[in-house]
Amino acid sequence: MPLSIAKRREIQTLEARLVERLKLLLKRIKGFQKLIRELIQDERGTLIIGDRNPAPKELLSKGHQPP
């Protein structure tokens, strides 16, 4: 049995809302992935969120050089 026009519109509206929520979730996931990559690459072993400046070379261990 075919759906009524009103029912189709309701489904389309729900689908559109779901897509918008999924877009926001995807942005958050990408943000978390970026943060995790930065933490993995953090050579000092310290967690300073928002500090993108590398540590001065004199603070790094002698056997450990930045990439």
PDB file of N, CA and C in Angstrom:
ATOM      1  N   MET A   1       0.849  -1.167   0.000  1.00  0.00           N
ATOM      2  CA  MET A   1       0.000   0.000   0.000  1.00  0.00           C
ATOM      3  C   MET A   1       0.905   1.244   0.000  1.00  0.00           C
ATOM      4  N   PRO A   2       0.696   2.173  -0.923  1.00  0.00           N
ATOM      5  CA  PRO A   2       1.528   3.377  -1.001  1.00  0.00           C
ATOM      6  C   PRO A   2       1.300   4.303   0.199  1.00  0.00           C
ATOM      7  N   LEU A   3       2.361   5.025   0.534  1.00  0.00           N
ATOM      8  CA  LEU A   3       2.280   5.966   1.655  1.00  0.00           C
ATOM      9  C   LEU A   3       1.600   7.258   1.219  1.00  0.00           C
ATOM     10  N   SER A   4       0.922   7.885   2.142  1.00  0.00           N
ATOM     11  CA  SER A   4       0.290   9.171   1.846  1.00  0.00           C
ATOM     12  C   SER A   4       1.370  10.249   1.736  1.00  0.00           C
ATOM     13  N   ILE A   5       1.016  11.336   1.106  1.00  0.00           N
ATOM     14  CA  ILE A   5       1.953  12.448   0.935  1.00  0.00           C
ATOM     15  C   ILE A   5       2.392  12.986   2.293  1.00  0.00           C
ATOM     16  N   ALA A   6       1.470  13.098   3.219  1.00  0.00           N
ATOM     17  CA  ALA A   6       1.803  13.606   4.558  1.00  0.00           C
ATOM     18  C   ALA A   6       2.798  12.682   5.260  1.00  0.00           C
ATOM     19  N   LYS A   7       2.588  11.381   5.121  1.00  0.00           N
ATOM     20  CA  LYS A   7       3.481  10.411   5.763  1.00  0.00           C
ATOM     21  C   LYS A   7       4.874  10.473   5.133  1.00  0.00           C
ATOM     22  N   ARG A   8       4.944  10.619   3.801  1.00  0.00           N
ATOM     23  CA  ARG A   8       6.235  10.745   3.114  1.00  0.00           C
ATOM     24  C   ARG A   8       6.988  11.978   3.596  1.00  0.00           C
ATOM     25  N   ARG A   9       6.272  13.092   3.718  1.00  0.00           N
ATOM     26  CA  ARG A   9       6.911  14.332   4.190  1.00  0.00           C
ATOM     27  C   ARG A   9       7.422  14.175   5.616  1.00  0.00           C
ATOM     28  N   GLU A  10       6.643  13.504   6.436  1.00  0.00           N
ATOM     29  CA  GLU A  10       7.062  13.269   7.818  1.00  0.00           C
ATOM     30  C   GLU A  10       8.349  12.441   7.845  1.00  0.00           C
ATOM     31  N   ILE A  11       8.400  11.410   7.027  1.00  0.00           N
ATOM     32  CA  ILE A  11       9.594  10.561   6.963  1.00  0.00           C
ATOM     33  C   ILE A  11      10.788  11.361   6.448  1.00  0.00           C
ATOM     34  N   GLN A  12      10.573  12.184   5.423  1.00  0.00           N
ATOM     35  CA  GLN A  12      11.657  13.004   4.880  1.00  0.00           C
ATOM     36  C   GLN A  12      12.173  13.992   5.920  1.00  0.00           C
ATOM     37  N   THR A  13      11.274  14.563   6.702  1.00  0.00           N
ATOM     38  CA  THR A  13      11.673  15.490   7.758  1.00  0.00           C
ATOM     39  C   THR A  13      12.506  14.776   8.812  1.00  0.00           C
ATOM     40  N   LEU A  14      12.063  13.599   9.211  1.00  0.00           N
ATOM     41  CA  LEU A  14      12.820  12.826  10.200  1.00  0.00           C
ATOM     42  C   LEU A  14      14.189  12.434   9.658  1.00  0.00           C
ATOM     43  N   GLU A  15      14.246  12.046   8.387  1.00  0.00           N
ATOM     44  CA  GLU A  15      15.524  11.696   7.768  1.00  0.00           C
ATOM     45  C   GLU A  15      16.460  12.897   7.736  1.00  0.00           C
ATOM     46  N   ALA A  16      15.933  14.066   7.398  1.00  0.00           N
ATOM     47  CA  ALA A  16      16.752  15.277   7.340  1.00  0.00           C
ATOM     48  C   ALA A  16      17.302  15.626   8.722  1.00  0.00           C
ATOM     49  N   ARG A  17      16.476  15.497   9.755  1.00  0.00           N
ATOM     50  CA  ARG A  17      16.936  15.775  11.117  1.00  0.00           C
ATOM     51  C   ARG A  17      18.021  14.792  11.533  1.00  0.00           C
ATOM     52  N   LEU A  18      17.839  13.536  11.166  1.00  0.00           N
ATOM     53  CA  LEU A  18      18.829  12.511  11.488  1.00  0.00           C
ATOM     54  C   LEU A  18      20.158  12.804  10.791  1.00  0.00           C
ATOM     55  N   VAL A  19      20.099  13.184   9.526  1.00  0.00           N
ATOM     56  CA  VAL A  19      21.314  13.507   8.777  1.00  0.00           C
ATOM     57  C   VAL A  19      22.046  14.676   9.431  1.00  0.00           C
ATOM     58  N   GLU A  20      21.325  15.700   9.849  1.00  0.00           N
ATOM     59  CA  GLU A  20      21.962  16.854  10.491  1.00  0.00           C
ATOM     60  C   GLU A  20      22.638  16.452  11.803  1.00  0.00           C
ATOM     61  N   ARG A  21      21.995  15.612  12.575  1.00  0.00           N
ATOM     62  CA  ARG A  21      22.597  15.146  13.827  1.00  0.00           C
ATOM     63  C   ARG A  21      23.837  14.309  13.559  1.00  0.00           C
ATOM     64  N   LEU A  22      23.772  13.478  12.533  1.00  0.00           N
ATOM     65  CA  LEU A  22      24.930  12.653  12.187  1.00  0.00           C
ATOM     66  C   LEU A  22      26.101  13.512  11.711  1.00  0.00           C
ATOM     67  N   LYS A  23      25.806  14.602  11.000  1.00  0.00           N
ATOM     68  CA  LYS A  23      26.868  15.516  10.563  1.00  0.00           C
ATOM     69  C   LYS A  23      27.580  16.112  11.775  1.00  0.00           C
ATOM     70  N   LEU A  24      26.815  16.549  12.777  1.00  0.00           N
ATOM     71  CA  LEU A  24      27.419  17.105  13.989  1.00  0.00           C
ATOM     72  C   LEU A  24      28.264  16.065  14.710  1.00  0.00           C
ATOM     73  N   LEU A  25      27.760  14.849  14.791  1.00  0.00           N
ATOM     74  CA  LEU A  25      28.497  13.773  15.438  1.00  0.00           C
ATOM     75  C   LEU A  25      29.798  13.489  14.697  1.00  0.00           C
ATOM     76  N   LEU A  26      29.757  13.488  13.379  1.00  0.00           N
ATOM     77  CA  LEU A  26      30.951  13.243  12.582  1.00  0.00           C
ATOM     78  C   LEU A  26      31.999  14.328  12.824  1.00  0.00           C
ATOM     79  N   LYS A  27      31.565  15.581  12.930  1.00  0.00           N
ATOM     80  CA  LYS A  27      32.505  16.669  13.221  1.00  0.00           C
ATOM     81  C   LYS A  27      33.172  16.459  14.575  1.00  0.00           C
ATOM     82  N   ARG A  28      32.402  16.047  15.565  1.00  0.00           N
ATOM     83  CA  ARG A  28      32.962  15.798  16.892  1.00  0.00           C
ATOM     84  C   ARG A  28      33.964  14.652  16.853  1.00  0.00           C
ATOM     85  N   ILE A  29      33.611  13.591  16.130  1.00  0.00           N
ATOM     86  CA  ILE A  29      34.509  12.440  16.028  1.00  0.00           C
ATOM     87  C   ILE A  29      35.813  12.859  15.363  1.00  0.00           C
ATOM     88  N   LYS A  30      35.719  13.659  14.313  1.00  0.00           N
ATOM     89  CA  LYS A  30      36.931  14.125  13.637  1.00  0.00           C
ATOM     90  C   LYS A  30      37.773  14.974  14.582  1.00  0.00           C
ATOM     91  N   GLY A  31      37.115  15.789  15.408  1.00  0.00           N
ATOM     92  CA  GLY A  31      37.843  16.593  16.388  1.00  0.00           C
ATOM     93  C   GLY A  31      38.567  15.722  17.401  1.00  0.00           C
ATOM     94  N   PHE A  32      37.904  14.669  17.869  1.00  0.00           N
ATOM     95  CA  PHE A  32      38.547  13.748  18.810  1.00  0.00           C
ATOM     96  C   PHE A  32      39.705  13.019  18.146  1.00  0.00           C
ATOM     97  N   GLN A  33      39.543  12.620  16.892  1.00  0.00           N
ATOM     98  CA  GLN A  33      40.623  11.944  16.177  1.00  0.00           C
ATOM     99  C   GLN A  33      41.837  12.863  16.053  1.00  0.00           C
ATOM    100  N   LYS A  34      41.596  14.127  15.758  1.00  0.00           N
ATOM    101  CA  LYS A  34      42.690  15.089  15.627  1.00  0.00           C
ATOM    102  C   LYS A  34      43.403  15.264  16.964  1.00  0.00           C
ATOM    103  N   LEU A  35      42.640  15.379  18.038  1.00  0.00           N
ATOM    104  CA  LEU A  35      43.233  15.522  19.365  1.00  0.00           C
ATOM    105  C   LEU A  35      44.086  14.304  19.708  1.00  0.00           C
ATOM    106  N   ILE A  36      43.576  13.117  19.426  1.00  0.00           N
ATOM    107  CA  ILE A  36      44.326  11.893  19.723  1.00  0.00           C
ATOM    108  C   ILE A  36      45.617  11.856  18.912  1.00  0.00           C
ATOM    109  N   ARG A  37      45.564  12.224  17.630  1.00  0.00           N
ATOM    110  CA  ARG A  37      46.784  12.254  16.812  1.00  0.00           C
ATOM    111  C   ARG A  37      47.802  13.217  17.396  1.00  0.00           C
ATOM    112  N   GLU A  38      47.344  14.395  17.832  1.00  0.00           N
ATOM    113  CA  GLU A  38      48.258  15.373  18.423  1.00  0.00           C
ATOM    114  C   GLU A  38      48.877  14.843  19.705  1.00  0.00           C
ATOM    115  N   LEU A  39      48.090  14.159  20.513  1.00  0.00           N
ATOM    116  CA  LEU A  39      48.628  13.618  21.760  1.00  0.00           C
ATOM    117  C   LEU A  39      49.642  12.513  21.490  1.00  0.00           C
ATOM    118  N   ILE A  40      49.386  11.692  20.489  1.00  0.00           N
ATOM    119  CA  ILE A  40      50.328  10.631  20.141  1.00  0.00           C
ATOM    120  C   ILE A  40      51.636  11.238  19.646  1.00  0.00           C
ATOM    121  N   GLN A  41      51.548  12.334  18.912  1.00  0.00           N
ATOM    122  CA  GLN A  41      52.735  12.961  18.353  1.00  0.00           C
ATOM    123  C   GLN A  41      53.453  13.855  19.364  1.00  0.00           C
ATOM    124  N   ASP A  42      52.853  14.079  20.514  1.00  0.00           N
ATOM    125  CA  ASP A  42      53.447  14.949  21.522  1.00  0.00           C
ATOM    126  C   ASP A  42      54.695  14.273  22.078  1.00  0.00           C
ATOM    127  N   GLU A  43      55.845  14.812  21.761  1.00  0.00           N
ATOM    128  CA  GLU A  43      57.108  14.171  22.106  1.00  0.00           C
ATOM    129  C   GLU A  43      57.547  14.458  23.537  1.00  0.00           C
ATOM    130  N   ARG A  44      56.965  15.435  24.165  1.00  0.00           N
ATOM    131  CA  ARG A  44      57.368  15.778  25.530  1.00  0.00           C
ATOM    132  C   ARG A  44      56.714  14.870  26.550  1.00  0.00           C
ATOM    133  N   GLY A  45      55.652  14.206  26.159  1.00  0.00           N
ATOM    134  CA  GLY A  45      54.940  13.350  27.093  1.00  0.00           C
ATOM    135  C   GLY A  45      54.053  14.128  28.041  1.00  0.00           C
ATOM    136  N   THR A  46      53.838  15.409  27.762  1.00  0.00           N
ATOM    137  CA  THR A  46      52.973  16.223  28.611  1.00  0.00           C
ATOM    138  C   THR A  46      51.699  16.545  27.852  1.00  0.00           C
ATOM    139  N   LEU A  47      50.678  16.788  28.580  1.00  0.00           N
ATOM    140  CA  LEU A  47      49.394  17.117  27.976  1.00  0.00           C
ATOM    141  C   LEU A  47      49.120  18.593  28.203  1.00  0.00           C
ATOM    142  N   ILE A  48      49.283  19.376  27.137  1.00  0.00           N
ATOM    143  CA  ILE A  48      48.952  20.793  27.186  1.00  0.00           C
ATOM    144  C   ILE A  48      48.020  21.041  26.007  1.00  0.00           C
ATOM    145  N   ILE A  49      46.746  21.061  26.269  1.00  0.00           N
ATOM    146  CA  ILE A  49      45.774  21.228  25.192  1.00  0.00           C
ATOM    147  C   ILE A  49      45.828  22.666  24.691  1.00  0.00           C
ATOM    148  N   GLY A  50      45.922  22.798  23.385  1.00  0.00           N
ATOM    149  CA  GLY A  50      45.944  24.109  22.764  1.00  0.00           C
ATOM    150  C   GLY A  50      47.337  24.651  22.535  1.00  0.00           C
ATOM    151  N   ASP A  51      48.378  24.012  23.072  1.00  0.00           N
ATOM    152  CA  ASP A  51      49.749  24.466  22.866  1.00  0.00           C
ATOM    153  C   ASP A  51      50.329  23.712  21.685  1.00  0.00           C
ATOM    154  N   ARG A  52      50.425  24.370  20.557  1.00  0.00           N
ATOM    155  CA  ARG A  52      50.931  23.710  19.356  1.00  0.00           C
ATOM    156  C   ARG A  52      52.408  24.011  19.125  1.00  0.00           C
ATOM    157  N   ASN A  53      53.024  24.794  19.999  1.00  0.00           N
ATOM    158  CA  ASN A  53      54.439  25.103  19.843  1.00  0.00           C
ATOM    159  C   ASN A  53      55.271  23.931  20.340  1.00  0.00           C
ATOM    160  N   PRO A  54      56.282  23.518  19.566  1.00  0.00           N
ATOM    161  CA  PRO A  54      57.113  22.402  20.020  1.00  0.00           C
ATOM    162  C   PRO A  54      57.968  22.807  21.216  1.00  0.00           C
ATOM    163  N   ALA A  55      58.390  21.823  21.965  1.00  0.00           N
ATOM    164  CA  ALA A  55      59.252  22.078  23.118  1.00  0.00           C
ATOM    165  C   ALA A  55      60.614  22.546  22.622  1.00  0.00           C
ATOM    166  N   PRO A  56      61.257  23.454  23.361  1.00  0.00           N
ATOM    167  CA  PRO A  56      62.615  23.852  22.991  1.00  0.00           C
ATOM    168  C   PRO A  56      63.530  22.628  22.993  1.00  0.00           C
ATOM    169  N   LYS A  57      64.498  22.616  22.074  1.00  0.00           N
ATOM    170  CA  LYS A  57      65.372  21.453  21.929  1.00  0.00           C
ATOM    171  C   LYS A  57      66.116  21.127  23.215  1.00  0.00           C
ATOM    172  N   GLU A  58      66.465  22.148  23.988  1.00  0.00           N
ATOM    173  CA  GLU A  58      67.220  21.892  25.217  1.00  0.00           C
ATOM    174  C   GLU A  58      66.389  21.148  26.266  1.00  0.00           C
ATOM    175  N   LEU A  59      65.055  21.152  26.124  1.00  0.00           N
ATOM    176  CA  LEU A  59      64.209  20.425  27.064  1.00  0.00           C
ATOM    177  C   LEU A  59      64.027  18.959  26.677  1.00  0.00           C
ATOM    178  N   LEU A  60      64.331  18.628  25.428  1.00  0.00           N
ATOM    179  CA  LEU A  60      64.190  17.248  24.982  1.00  0.00           C
ATOM    180  C   LEU A  60      65.387  16.432  25.447  1.00  0.00           C
ATOM    181  N   SER A  61      65.183  15.136  25.655  1.00  0.00           N
ATOM    182  CA  SER A  61      66.302  14.280  26.040  1.00  0.00           C
ATOM    183  C   SER A  61      67.305  14.226  24.896  1.00  0.00           C
ATOM    184  N   LYS A  62      68.573  13.961  25.229  1.00  0.00           N
ATOM    185  CA  LYS A  62      69.626  14.008  24.213  1.00  0.00           C
ATOM    186  C   LYS A  62      69.428  12.967  23.118  1.00  0.00           C
ATOM    187  N   GLY A  63      68.888  11.823  23.444  1.00  0.00           N
ATOM    188  CA  GLY A  63      68.694  10.787  22.441  1.00  0.00           C
ATOM    189  C   GLY A  63      67.388  10.912  21.689  1.00  0.00           C
ATOM    190  N   HIS A  64      66.607  11.898  22.031  1.00  0.00           N
ATOM    191  CA  HIS A  64      65.269  12.029  21.454  1.00  0.00           C
ATOM    192  C   HIS A  64      65.190  13.325  20.668  1.00  0.00           C
ATOM    193  N   GLN A  65      65.076  13.236  19.359  1.00  0.00           N
ATOM    194  CA  GLN A  65      65.010  14.418  18.511  1.00  0.00           C
ATOM    195  C   GLN A  65      63.619  14.540  17.902  1.00  0.00           C
ATOM    196  N   PRO A  66      63.128  15.761  17.749  1.00  0.00           N
ATOM    197  CA  PRO A  66      61.809  15.947  17.141  1.00  0.00           C
ATOM    198  C   PRO A  66      61.827  15.537  15.674  1.00  0.00           C
ATOM    199  N   PRO A  67      60.691  15.187  15.117  1.00  0.00           N
ATOM    200  CA  PRO A  67      60.649  14.751  13.705  1.00  0.00           C
ATOM    201  C   PRO A  67      60.974  15.882  12.756  1.00  0.00           C
TER     202      PRO A  67
END
